[in-house]
């Protein structure tokens, strides 16, 4: 499902109330009216189309806890924490416009977290910055590969929801995004 509010007109598409194998239109970034959530998707590195082992999943939980504690220490509100089946999601409530500027902010926020917290075994998915990004529907099973003893299919779920969900400000996202080195847009040293 999409985490952000969709233009009501999209509800009149033929596939809005049924599953279609190959729909003509799907929700695009332009169909999102505002950014309601920022998703931090923390997964173990593993071969594509495979489920995580218990050990790989445990390593992603360790990174998720580090990211959560770090963000809380710099003023972020408590996140909604979810188990994706193979890794963990941290979800932060926002009230941001769906603009190119916001897209770049979320992209740089995730890239900064990746730079700070990625390990040899776990990474923060930096590709989940777009407004129409789909997310695991919690309560459904994650079936990246066959269900095996070593790499089982698991059900996703919400782990914790704060008693009160507070809005994460744009300033807090910028504080983290600003850790990312920015390319020089002009040569400041021409006068030397």
N, C-alpha and C. Protein backbone atom coordinates (compact mmCIF):
# COMPACT_ATOMS: atom_id res chain seq x y z
N UNK A 1 0.84 -1.17 0.00
CA UNK A 1 0.00 0.00 0.00
C UNK A 1 0.88 1.23 0.00
N UNK A 2 0.30 2.38 -0.33
CA UNK A 2 1.07 3.63 -0.28
C UNK A 2 0.88 4.26 1.09
N UNK A 3 1.93 4.88 1.59
CA UNK A 3 1.90 5.50 2.91
C UNK A 3 1.29 6.89 2.88
N UNK A 4 1.23 7.51 1.71
CA UNK A 4 0.82 8.90 1.60
C UNK A 4 -0.56 9.02 0.96
N UNK A 5 -1.23 10.14 1.26
CA UNK A 5 -2.60 10.38 0.79
C UNK A 5 -2.64 10.49 -0.73
N UNK A 6 -3.60 9.78 -1.32
CA UNK A 6 -3.76 9.74 -2.77
C UNK A 6 -4.91 10.64 -3.19
N UNK A 7 -4.77 11.28 -4.32
CA UNK A 7 -5.83 12.10 -4.90
C UNK A 7 -7.11 11.27 -4.99
N UNK A 8 -8.22 11.80 -4.49
CA UNK A 8 -9.50 11.08 -4.48
C UNK A 8 -9.94 10.62 -5.87
N UNK A 9 -9.57 11.36 -6.91
CA UNK A 9 -9.96 10.97 -8.27
C UNK A 9 -9.42 9.59 -8.65
N UNK A 10 -8.30 9.19 -8.05
CA UNK A 10 -7.71 7.88 -8.35
C UNK A 10 -8.60 6.74 -7.88
N UNK A 11 -9.49 7.02 -6.96
CA UNK A 11 -10.38 5.97 -6.45
C UNK A 11 -11.41 5.52 -7.49
N UNK A 12 -11.53 6.27 -8.57
CA UNK A 12 -12.46 5.91 -9.63
C UNK A 12 -11.82 5.07 -10.74
N UNK A 13 -10.57 4.70 -10.56
CA UNK A 13 -9.93 3.81 -11.52
C UNK A 13 -10.57 2.43 -11.43
N UNK A 14 -10.53 1.71 -12.53
CA UNK A 14 -11.20 0.40 -12.57
C UNK A 14 -10.65 -0.58 -11.54
N UNK A 15 -9.36 -0.48 -11.20
CA UNK A 15 -8.78 -1.43 -10.25
C UNK A 15 -8.88 -0.97 -8.80
N UNK A 16 -9.60 0.11 -8.53
CA UNK A 16 -9.65 0.64 -7.16
C UNK A 16 -10.34 -0.32 -6.18
N UNK A 17 -11.23 -1.14 -6.67
CA UNK A 17 -11.95 -2.04 -5.76
C UNK A 17 -11.77 -3.52 -6.13
N UNK A 18 -10.74 -3.81 -6.91
CA UNK A 18 -10.47 -5.20 -7.27
C UNK A 18 -8.99 -5.36 -7.61
N UNK A 19 -8.54 -6.56 -7.62
CA UNK A 19 -7.15 -6.83 -7.99
C UNK A 19 -7.11 -7.10 -9.48
N UNK A 20 -6.25 -6.37 -10.17
CA UNK A 20 -6.04 -6.58 -11.60
C UNK A 20 -4.60 -6.99 -11.82
N UNK A 21 -4.40 -7.97 -12.67
CA UNK A 21 -3.05 -8.48 -12.91
C UNK A 21 -2.15 -7.44 -13.56
N UNK A 22 -2.64 -6.73 -14.55
CA UNK A 22 -1.85 -5.70 -15.24
C UNK A 22 -2.69 -4.44 -15.42
N UNK A 23 -2.83 -3.64 -14.36
CA UNK A 23 -3.66 -2.43 -14.49
C UNK A 23 -3.05 -1.43 -15.47
N UNK A 24 -3.92 -0.67 -16.16
CA UNK A 24 -3.45 0.35 -17.09
C UNK A 24 -2.71 1.46 -16.36
N UNK A 25 -3.23 1.85 -15.21
CA UNK A 25 -2.64 2.95 -14.45
C UNK A 25 -2.41 2.51 -13.02
N UNK A 26 -1.31 2.97 -12.46
CA UNK A 26 -1.03 2.74 -11.05
C UNK A 26 -0.74 4.11 -10.42
N UNK A 27 -0.71 4.15 -9.12
CA UNK A 27 -0.48 5.41 -8.42
C UNK A 27 0.95 5.89 -8.69
N UNK A 28 1.06 7.12 -9.13
CA UNK A 28 2.37 7.72 -9.40
C UNK A 28 2.62 8.84 -8.39
N UNK A 29 3.82 9.36 -8.38
CA UNK A 29 4.15 10.44 -7.46
C UNK A 29 3.23 11.64 -7.64
N UNK A 30 2.78 11.90 -8.86
CA UNK A 30 1.89 13.03 -9.13
C UNK A 30 0.50 12.83 -8.53
N UNK A 31 0.14 11.59 -8.20
CA UNK A 31 -1.17 11.30 -7.62
C UNK A 31 -1.20 11.49 -6.10
N UNK A 32 -0.05 11.75 -5.50
CA UNK A 32 0.03 11.93 -4.04
C UNK A 32 -0.21 13.39 -3.71
N UNK A 33 -1.13 13.65 -2.76
CA UNK A 33 -1.43 15.04 -2.44
C UNK A 33 -0.55 15.63 -1.35
N UNK A 34 -0.01 14.81 -0.46
CA UNK A 34 0.97 15.29 0.52
C UNK A 34 1.75 14.12 1.08
N UNK A 35 2.89 14.45 1.69
CA UNK A 35 3.73 13.43 2.33
C UNK A 35 3.27 13.26 3.77
N UNK A 36 2.70 12.09 4.07
CA UNK A 36 2.20 11.82 5.42
C UNK A 36 3.20 11.05 6.27
N UNK A 37 4.08 10.28 5.63
CA UNK A 37 5.02 9.42 6.36
C UNK A 37 6.36 9.39 5.65
N UNK A 38 7.42 9.25 6.44
CA UNK A 38 8.75 8.95 5.91
C UNK A 38 9.09 7.54 6.38
N UNK A 39 9.45 6.69 5.44
CA UNK A 39 9.78 5.29 5.71
C UNK A 39 11.29 5.10 5.73
N UNK A 40 11.79 4.49 6.80
CA UNK A 40 13.18 4.04 6.85
C UNK A 40 13.10 2.52 6.83
N UNK A 41 13.59 1.93 5.75
CA UNK A 41 13.52 0.49 5.52
C UNK A 41 14.91 -0.11 5.74
N UNK A 42 15.04 -0.92 6.78
CA UNK A 42 16.34 -1.47 7.18
C UNK A 42 16.32 -2.98 6.95
N UNK A 43 17.15 -3.43 6.03
CA UNK A 43 17.16 -4.83 5.63
C UNK A 43 18.56 -5.42 5.67
N UNK A 44 18.63 -6.73 5.93
CA UNK A 44 19.93 -7.39 5.82
C UNK A 44 20.31 -7.53 4.35
N UNK A 45 21.61 -7.46 4.08
CA UNK A 45 22.10 -7.71 2.73
C UNK A 45 22.09 -9.22 2.53
N UNK A 46 21.50 -9.65 1.43
CA UNK A 46 21.39 -11.09 1.13
C UNK A 46 21.15 -11.23 -0.36
N UNK A 47 21.24 -12.44 -0.89
CA UNK A 47 20.95 -12.62 -2.32
C UNK A 47 19.52 -12.18 -2.64
N UNK A 48 19.33 -11.61 -3.82
CA UNK A 48 17.99 -11.16 -4.21
C UNK A 48 17.01 -12.33 -4.25
N UNK A 49 15.75 -12.00 -4.00
CA UNK A 49 14.65 -12.97 -4.01
C UNK A 49 14.85 -14.10 -3.01
N UNK A 50 15.40 -13.77 -1.85
CA UNK A 50 15.51 -14.74 -0.76
C UNK A 50 15.00 -14.10 0.52
N UNK A 51 14.51 -14.92 1.42
CA UNK A 51 14.11 -14.46 2.74
C UNK A 51 15.36 -14.35 3.61
N UNK A 52 15.26 -13.54 4.67
CA UNK A 52 16.38 -13.38 5.59
C UNK A 52 16.46 -14.58 6.53
N UNK A 53 17.69 -14.92 6.90
CA UNK A 53 17.87 -15.92 7.95
C UNK A 53 17.56 -15.23 9.29
N UNK A 54 17.41 -16.02 10.34
CA UNK A 54 17.17 -15.43 11.66
C UNK A 54 18.32 -14.53 12.07
N UNK A 55 19.55 -14.95 11.79
CA UNK A 55 20.73 -14.14 12.15
C UNK A 55 20.76 -12.84 11.36
N UNK A 56 20.46 -12.89 10.05
CA UNK A 56 20.42 -11.68 9.23
C UNK A 56 19.37 -10.71 9.75
N UNK A 57 18.22 -11.24 10.11
CA UNK A 57 17.14 -10.40 10.62
C UNK A 57 17.53 -9.76 11.95
N UNK A 58 18.22 -10.52 12.79
CA UNK A 58 18.68 -10.01 14.08
C UNK A 58 19.64 -8.84 13.87
N UNK A 59 20.53 -8.94 12.89
CA UNK A 59 21.47 -7.87 12.60
C UNK A 59 20.74 -6.61 12.14
N UNK A 60 19.66 -6.78 11.36
CA UNK A 60 18.90 -5.60 10.92
C UNK A 60 18.18 -4.95 12.10
N UNK A 61 17.75 -5.73 13.07
CA UNK A 61 17.12 -5.18 14.27
C UNK A 61 18.13 -4.34 15.06
N UNK A 62 19.37 -4.81 15.14
CA UNK A 62 20.41 -4.04 15.85
C UNK A 62 20.62 -2.68 15.19
N UNK A 63 20.66 -2.64 13.86
CA UNK A 63 20.83 -1.37 13.16
C UNK A 63 19.58 -0.50 13.35
N UNK A 64 18.40 -1.09 13.27
CA UNK A 64 17.17 -0.32 13.46
C UNK A 64 17.16 0.34 14.84
N UNK A 65 17.59 -0.38 15.85
CA UNK A 65 17.64 0.19 17.21
C UNK A 65 18.62 1.35 17.28
N UNK A 66 19.77 1.23 16.61
CA UNK A 66 20.76 2.32 16.60
C UNK A 66 20.19 3.56 15.91
N UNK A 67 19.54 3.36 14.77
CA UNK A 67 18.95 4.48 14.04
C UNK A 67 17.86 5.14 14.90
N UNK A 68 17.02 4.33 15.50
CA UNK A 68 15.92 4.83 16.34
C UNK A 68 16.48 5.68 17.49
N UNK A 69 17.47 5.14 18.20
CA UNK A 69 18.05 5.86 19.35
C UNK A 69 18.74 7.16 18.90
N UNK A 70 19.44 7.08 17.79
CA UNK A 70 20.10 8.29 17.27
C UNK A 70 19.08 9.37 16.95
N UNK A 71 18.05 9.01 16.20
CA UNK A 71 17.06 10.02 15.80
C UNK A 71 16.35 10.59 17.03
N UNK A 72 16.03 9.74 17.98
CA UNK A 72 15.39 10.22 19.21
C UNK A 72 16.32 11.17 19.96
N UNK A 73 17.62 10.89 19.96
CA UNK A 73 18.59 11.73 20.69
C UNK A 73 18.72 13.13 20.09
N UNK A 74 18.37 13.30 18.81
CA UNK A 74 18.46 14.63 18.20
C UNK A 74 17.09 15.29 18.07
N UNK A 75 16.09 14.72 18.74
CA UNK A 75 14.79 15.39 18.80
C UNK A 75 13.65 14.79 18.02
N UNK A 76 13.90 13.70 17.31
CA UNK A 76 12.82 13.06 16.56
C UNK A 76 11.80 12.48 17.54
N UNK A 77 10.52 12.52 17.18
CA UNK A 77 9.52 11.86 18.03
C UNK A 77 9.65 10.35 17.91
N UNK A 78 8.93 9.63 18.75
CA UNK A 78 8.94 8.16 18.68
C UNK A 78 8.35 7.73 17.34
N UNK A 79 8.94 6.70 16.76
CA UNK A 79 8.50 6.19 15.46
C UNK A 79 7.52 5.04 15.65
N UNK A 80 6.74 4.79 14.61
CA UNK A 80 6.02 3.53 14.51
C UNK A 80 7.07 2.54 14.03
N UNK A 81 7.18 1.41 14.71
CA UNK A 81 8.18 0.39 14.36
C UNK A 81 7.43 -0.83 13.82
N UNK A 82 7.88 -1.32 12.67
CA UNK A 82 7.24 -2.48 12.06
C UNK A 82 8.29 -3.51 11.66
N UNK A 83 7.87 -4.75 11.69
CA UNK A 83 8.67 -5.89 11.24
C UNK A 83 8.19 -6.20 9.82
N UNK A 84 9.07 -6.05 8.84
CA UNK A 84 8.66 -6.26 7.44
C UNK A 84 8.66 -7.74 7.05
N UNK A 85 9.10 -8.60 7.96
CA UNK A 85 9.23 -10.02 7.65
C UNK A 85 10.68 -10.40 7.47
N UNK A 86 11.43 -9.52 6.80
CA UNK A 86 12.86 -9.77 6.58
C UNK A 86 13.74 -8.73 7.26
N UNK A 87 13.17 -7.61 7.64
CA UNK A 87 13.91 -6.53 8.27
C UNK A 87 12.95 -5.69 9.09
N UNK A 88 13.27 -4.41 9.21
CA UNK A 88 12.47 -3.53 10.07
C UNK A 88 12.21 -2.19 9.38
N UNK A 89 11.06 -1.61 9.71
CA UNK A 89 10.68 -0.30 9.22
C UNK A 89 10.55 0.65 10.41
N UNK A 90 11.04 1.86 10.23
CA UNK A 90 10.77 2.96 11.15
C UNK A 90 9.95 3.96 10.35
N UNK A 91 8.79 4.33 10.88
CA UNK A 91 7.89 5.24 10.17
C UNK A 91 7.70 6.50 11.00
N UNK A 92 7.95 7.65 10.35
CA UNK A 92 7.82 8.94 11.01
C UNK A 92 6.73 9.76 10.33
N UNK A 93 5.77 10.23 11.12
CA UNK A 93 4.64 11.01 10.63
C UNK A 93 5.12 12.40 10.24
N UNK A 94 4.68 12.86 9.07
CA UNK A 94 5.05 14.19 8.59
C UNK A 94 3.80 14.90 8.06
N UNK A 95 3.95 16.17 7.78
CA UNK A 95 2.94 16.97 7.08
C UNK A 95 3.69 17.83 6.08
N UNK A 96 4.18 17.20 5.03
CA UNK A 96 5.01 17.89 4.05
C UNK A 96 4.31 17.93 2.71
N UNK A 97 4.54 19.00 1.93
CA UNK A 97 3.95 19.03 0.59
C UNK A 97 4.63 18.00 -0.30
N UNK A 98 3.92 17.55 -1.30
CA UNK A 98 4.51 16.62 -2.27
C UNK A 98 5.14 17.45 -3.38
N UNK A 99 6.37 17.87 -3.14
CA UNK A 99 7.10 18.71 -4.10
C UNK A 99 8.44 18.06 -4.42
N UNK A 100 9.09 18.57 -5.43
CA UNK A 100 10.43 18.10 -5.78
C UNK A 100 11.40 18.37 -4.63
N UNK A 101 11.24 19.51 -3.98
CA UNK A 101 12.10 19.86 -2.85
C UNK A 101 11.96 18.83 -1.72
N UNK A 102 10.73 18.42 -1.42
CA UNK A 102 10.50 17.42 -0.38
C UNK A 102 11.08 16.07 -0.79
N UNK A 103 10.92 15.71 -2.05
CA UNK A 103 11.48 14.44 -2.53
C UNK A 103 12.99 14.42 -2.34
N UNK A 104 13.66 15.51 -2.68
CA UNK A 104 15.12 15.59 -2.52
C UNK A 104 15.49 15.54 -1.04
N UNK A 105 14.71 16.22 -0.19
CA UNK A 105 14.97 16.19 1.24
C UNK A 105 14.90 14.77 1.79
N UNK A 106 13.84 14.04 1.45
CA UNK A 106 13.69 12.67 1.94
C UNK A 106 14.80 11.78 1.38
N UNK A 107 15.14 11.97 0.12
CA UNK A 107 16.22 11.19 -0.49
C UNK A 107 17.54 11.44 0.25
N UNK A 108 17.88 12.70 0.51
CA UNK A 108 19.13 13.02 1.20
C UNK A 108 19.10 12.56 2.66
N UNK A 109 17.93 12.62 3.30
CA UNK A 109 17.76 12.12 4.66
C UNK A 109 18.12 10.63 4.71
N UNK A 110 17.57 9.84 3.78
CA UNK A 110 17.85 8.41 3.75
C UNK A 110 19.30 8.12 3.38
N UNK A 111 19.87 8.89 2.46
CA UNK A 111 21.27 8.70 2.09
C UNK A 111 22.20 9.00 3.27
N UNK A 112 21.86 10.02 4.05
CA UNK A 112 22.66 10.35 5.23
C UNK A 112 22.61 9.22 6.25
N UNK A 113 21.40 8.71 6.50
CA UNK A 113 21.27 7.59 7.44
C UNK A 113 22.04 6.38 6.95
N UNK A 114 21.99 6.13 5.66
CA UNK A 114 22.73 5.02 5.07
C UNK A 114 24.24 5.20 5.29
N UNK A 115 24.72 6.41 5.06
CA UNK A 115 26.14 6.71 5.27
C UNK A 115 26.54 6.49 6.72
N UNK A 116 25.67 6.88 7.64
CA UNK A 116 25.97 6.79 9.07
C UNK A 116 25.83 5.38 9.64
N UNK A 117 24.87 4.58 9.11
CA UNK A 117 24.51 3.34 9.80
C UNK A 117 24.65 2.05 9.00
N UNK A 118 24.86 2.11 7.70
CA UNK A 118 25.02 0.86 6.94
C UNK A 118 26.23 0.09 7.47
N UNK A 119 26.11 -1.23 7.46
CA UNK A 119 27.21 -2.10 7.87
C UNK A 119 27.52 -3.06 6.73
N UNK A 120 28.45 -3.94 6.94
CA UNK A 120 28.74 -4.97 5.92
C UNK A 120 27.55 -5.87 5.69
N UNK A 121 26.69 -6.01 6.71
CA UNK A 121 25.59 -6.98 6.65
C UNK A 121 24.21 -6.37 6.50
N UNK A 122 24.07 -5.07 6.78
CA UNK A 122 22.74 -4.43 6.81
C UNK A 122 22.81 -3.10 6.10
N UNK A 123 21.73 -2.77 5.38
CA UNK A 123 21.68 -1.47 4.71
C UNK A 123 20.32 -0.82 4.88
N UNK A 124 20.35 0.50 4.82
CA UNK A 124 19.13 1.30 4.79
C UNK A 124 18.80 1.52 3.33
N UNK A 125 17.58 1.19 2.95
CA UNK A 125 17.17 1.29 1.55
C UNK A 125 16.99 2.77 1.19
N UNK A 126 17.88 3.27 0.34
CA UNK A 126 17.82 4.68 -0.05
C UNK A 126 16.90 4.92 -1.25
N UNK A 127 16.27 3.87 -1.76
CA UNK A 127 15.41 4.02 -2.93
C UNK A 127 13.95 4.29 -2.57
N UNK A 128 13.63 4.37 -1.28
CA UNK A 128 12.22 4.49 -0.89
C UNK A 128 11.81 5.95 -0.63
N UNK A 129 12.43 6.89 -1.35
CA UNK A 129 12.19 8.31 -1.11
C UNK A 129 11.01 8.88 -1.88
N UNK A 130 10.53 8.19 -2.91
CA UNK A 130 9.47 8.78 -3.73
C UNK A 130 8.12 8.72 -3.03
N UNK A 131 7.26 9.69 -3.35
CA UNK A 131 5.99 9.87 -2.65
C UNK A 131 5.02 8.70 -2.81
N UNK A 132 5.02 8.05 -3.96
CA UNK A 132 4.08 6.96 -4.22
C UNK A 132 4.66 5.59 -3.87
N UNK A 133 5.76 5.59 -3.16
CA UNK A 133 6.42 4.33 -2.78
C UNK A 133 5.42 3.39 -2.10
N UNK A 134 5.42 2.15 -2.53
CA UNK A 134 4.58 1.17 -1.87
C UNK A 134 5.34 0.56 -0.70
N UNK A 135 4.57 0.10 0.27
CA UNK A 135 5.14 -0.42 1.50
C UNK A 135 4.42 -1.71 1.85
N UNK A 136 5.08 -2.51 2.64
CA UNK A 136 4.48 -3.76 3.10
C UNK A 136 3.14 -3.47 3.79
N UNK A 137 2.12 -4.24 3.46
CA UNK A 137 0.85 -4.17 4.19
C UNK A 137 1.02 -5.08 5.40
N UNK A 138 1.17 -4.46 6.56
CA UNK A 138 1.48 -5.23 7.76
C UNK A 138 0.36 -6.21 8.07
N UNK A 139 0.78 -7.43 8.40
CA UNK A 139 -0.16 -8.54 8.59
C UNK A 139 -0.12 -9.52 7.44
N UNK A 140 0.57 -9.13 6.35
CA UNK A 140 0.72 -10.03 5.21
C UNK A 140 2.09 -10.72 5.30
N UNK A 141 2.23 -11.80 4.60
CA UNK A 141 3.48 -12.56 4.63
C UNK A 141 4.49 -12.01 3.64
N UNK A 142 5.75 -12.07 4.03
CA UNK A 142 6.84 -11.70 3.15
C UNK A 142 7.32 -12.97 2.47
N UNK A 143 7.23 -13.01 1.16
CA UNK A 143 7.57 -14.22 0.41
C UNK A 143 8.56 -13.89 -0.68
N UNK A 144 9.75 -13.52 -0.26
CA UNK A 144 10.79 -13.18 -1.22
C UNK A 144 11.34 -14.43 -1.91
N UNK A 145 11.28 -15.54 -1.23
CA UNK A 145 11.80 -16.79 -1.78
C UNK A 145 11.00 -17.94 -1.22
N UNK A 146 11.47 -19.14 -1.46
CA UNK A 146 10.77 -20.31 -0.94
C UNK A 146 10.86 -20.34 0.58
N UNK A 147 9.91 -20.97 1.20
CA UNK A 147 9.87 -21.10 2.66
C UNK A 147 10.76 -22.27 3.05
N UNK A 148 11.90 -21.97 3.65
CA UNK A 148 12.83 -23.03 4.06
C UNK A 148 13.16 -22.87 5.54
N UNK A 149 13.74 -23.89 6.12
CA UNK A 149 14.10 -23.82 7.53
C UNK A 149 15.09 -22.69 7.76
N UNK A 150 16.08 -22.55 6.89
CA UNK A 150 17.10 -21.52 7.06
C UNK A 150 16.59 -20.13 6.70
N UNK A 151 15.74 -20.04 5.68
CA UNK A 151 15.22 -18.76 5.20
C UNK A 151 13.69 -18.83 5.15
N UNK A 152 13.06 -18.71 6.31
CA UNK A 152 11.60 -18.87 6.35
C UNK A 152 10.84 -17.64 5.86
N UNK A 153 9.65 -17.88 5.34
CA UNK A 153 8.72 -16.79 5.05
C UNK A 153 8.10 -16.38 6.38
N UNK A 154 7.99 -15.08 6.61
CA UNK A 154 7.47 -14.59 7.88
C UNK A 154 6.34 -13.60 7.65
N UNK A 155 5.49 -13.48 8.64
CA UNK A 155 4.41 -12.49 8.58
C UNK A 155 4.93 -11.15 9.06
N UNK A 156 4.58 -10.11 8.33
CA UNK A 156 4.95 -8.76 8.75
C UNK A 156 3.97 -8.28 9.82
N UNK A 157 4.41 -7.33 10.63
CA UNK A 157 3.52 -6.83 11.69
C UNK A 157 4.02 -5.50 12.21
N UNK A 158 3.14 -4.77 12.85
CA UNK A 158 3.53 -3.56 13.55
C UNK A 158 4.03 -3.99 14.92
N UNK A 159 5.23 -3.55 15.28
CA UNK A 159 5.84 -3.93 16.55
C UNK A 159 5.41 -2.98 17.66
N UNK A 160 5.53 -1.68 17.43
CA UNK A 160 5.12 -0.68 18.42
C UNK A 160 4.53 0.54 17.74
N UNK A 161 3.53 1.09 18.41
CA UNK A 161 2.94 2.36 18.01
C UNK A 161 3.00 3.26 19.24
N UNK A 162 3.55 4.47 19.11
CA UNK A 162 3.59 5.37 20.27
C UNK A 162 2.18 5.69 20.76
N UNK A 163 2.07 6.01 22.04
CA UNK A 163 0.77 6.40 22.58
C UNK A 163 0.20 7.59 21.82
N UNK A 164 1.07 8.52 21.46
CA UNK A 164 0.67 9.66 20.64
C UNK A 164 1.68 9.79 19.51
N UNK A 165 1.18 9.92 18.30
CA UNK A 165 2.05 10.07 17.14
C UNK A 165 2.24 11.57 16.89
N UNK A 166 3.49 12.01 17.01
CA UNK A 166 3.81 13.42 16.80
C UNK A 166 4.36 13.63 15.39
N UNK A 167 4.18 14.83 14.90
CA UNK A 167 4.67 15.19 13.57
C UNK A 167 6.18 15.40 13.62
N UNK A 168 6.88 14.83 12.65
CA UNK A 168 8.32 15.05 12.48
C UNK A 168 8.48 16.27 11.58
N UNK A 169 9.17 17.27 12.08
CA UNK A 169 9.30 18.53 11.34
C UNK A 169 10.28 18.40 10.18
N UNK A 170 10.10 19.27 9.22
CA UNK A 170 11.01 19.36 8.08
C UNK A 170 12.42 19.70 8.57
N UNK A 171 12.51 20.53 9.62
CA UNK A 171 13.81 20.93 10.16
C UNK A 171 14.59 19.72 10.69
N UNK A 172 13.90 18.78 11.33
CA UNK A 172 14.58 17.59 11.83
C UNK A 172 15.11 16.74 10.68
N UNK A 173 14.31 16.58 9.63
CA UNK A 173 14.77 15.83 8.46
C UNK A 173 15.98 16.52 7.84
N UNK A 174 15.94 17.86 7.77
CA UNK A 174 17.07 18.62 7.21
C UNK A 174 18.32 18.45 8.06
N UNK A 175 18.15 18.39 9.37
CA UNK A 175 19.31 18.25 10.25
C UNK A 175 20.09 16.99 9.90
N UNK A 176 19.40 15.91 9.61
CA UNK A 176 20.07 14.67 9.24
C UNK A 176 20.55 14.74 7.79
N UNK A 177 19.73 15.27 6.90
CA UNK A 177 20.10 15.36 5.49
C UNK A 177 21.35 16.19 5.29
N UNK A 178 21.56 17.18 6.14
CA UNK A 178 22.72 18.06 6.00
C UNK A 178 24.05 17.36 6.28
N UNK A 179 24.02 16.16 6.85
CA UNK A 179 25.26 15.40 7.04
C UNK A 179 25.81 14.90 5.71
N UNK A 180 24.95 14.80 4.71
CA UNK A 180 25.38 14.30 3.41
C UNK A 180 26.23 15.35 2.71
N UNK A 181 27.43 15.01 2.29
CA UNK A 181 28.26 16.00 1.58
C UNK A 181 27.54 16.46 0.31
N UNK A 182 27.55 17.77 0.10
CA UNK A 182 26.89 18.35 -1.08
C UNK A 182 27.94 18.70 -2.12
N UNK A 183 27.65 18.46 -3.40
CA UNK A 183 28.60 18.84 -4.44
C UNK A 183 28.69 20.37 -4.53
N UNK A 184 29.86 20.84 -4.87
CA UNK A 184 30.04 22.28 -5.04
C UNK A 184 29.24 22.73 -6.26
N UNK A 185 28.41 23.77 -6.10
CA UNK A 185 27.63 24.28 -7.24
C UNK A 185 28.40 25.36 -7.98
N UNK A 186 29.37 25.96 -7.30
CA UNK A 186 30.23 26.93 -7.97
C UNK A 186 31.59 26.87 -7.30
N UNK A 187 32.57 27.31 -7.99
CA UNK A 187 33.92 27.27 -7.43
C UNK A 187 34.12 28.51 -6.55
N UNK A 188 34.11 28.30 -5.24
CA UNK A 188 34.28 29.41 -4.29
C UNK A 188 35.72 29.88 -4.23
N UNK A 189 36.63 29.18 -4.85
CA UNK A 189 38.04 29.51 -4.73
C UNK A 189 38.60 30.26 -5.93
N UNK A 190 37.72 30.75 -6.82
CA UNK A 190 38.19 31.47 -8.00
C UNK A 190 38.95 32.74 -7.64
N UNK A 191 38.67 33.31 -6.49
CA UNK A 191 39.31 34.56 -6.10
C UNK A 191 40.69 34.36 -5.51
N UNK A 192 41.17 33.14 -5.36
CA UNK A 192 42.46 32.87 -4.73
C UNK A 192 43.52 32.61 -5.75
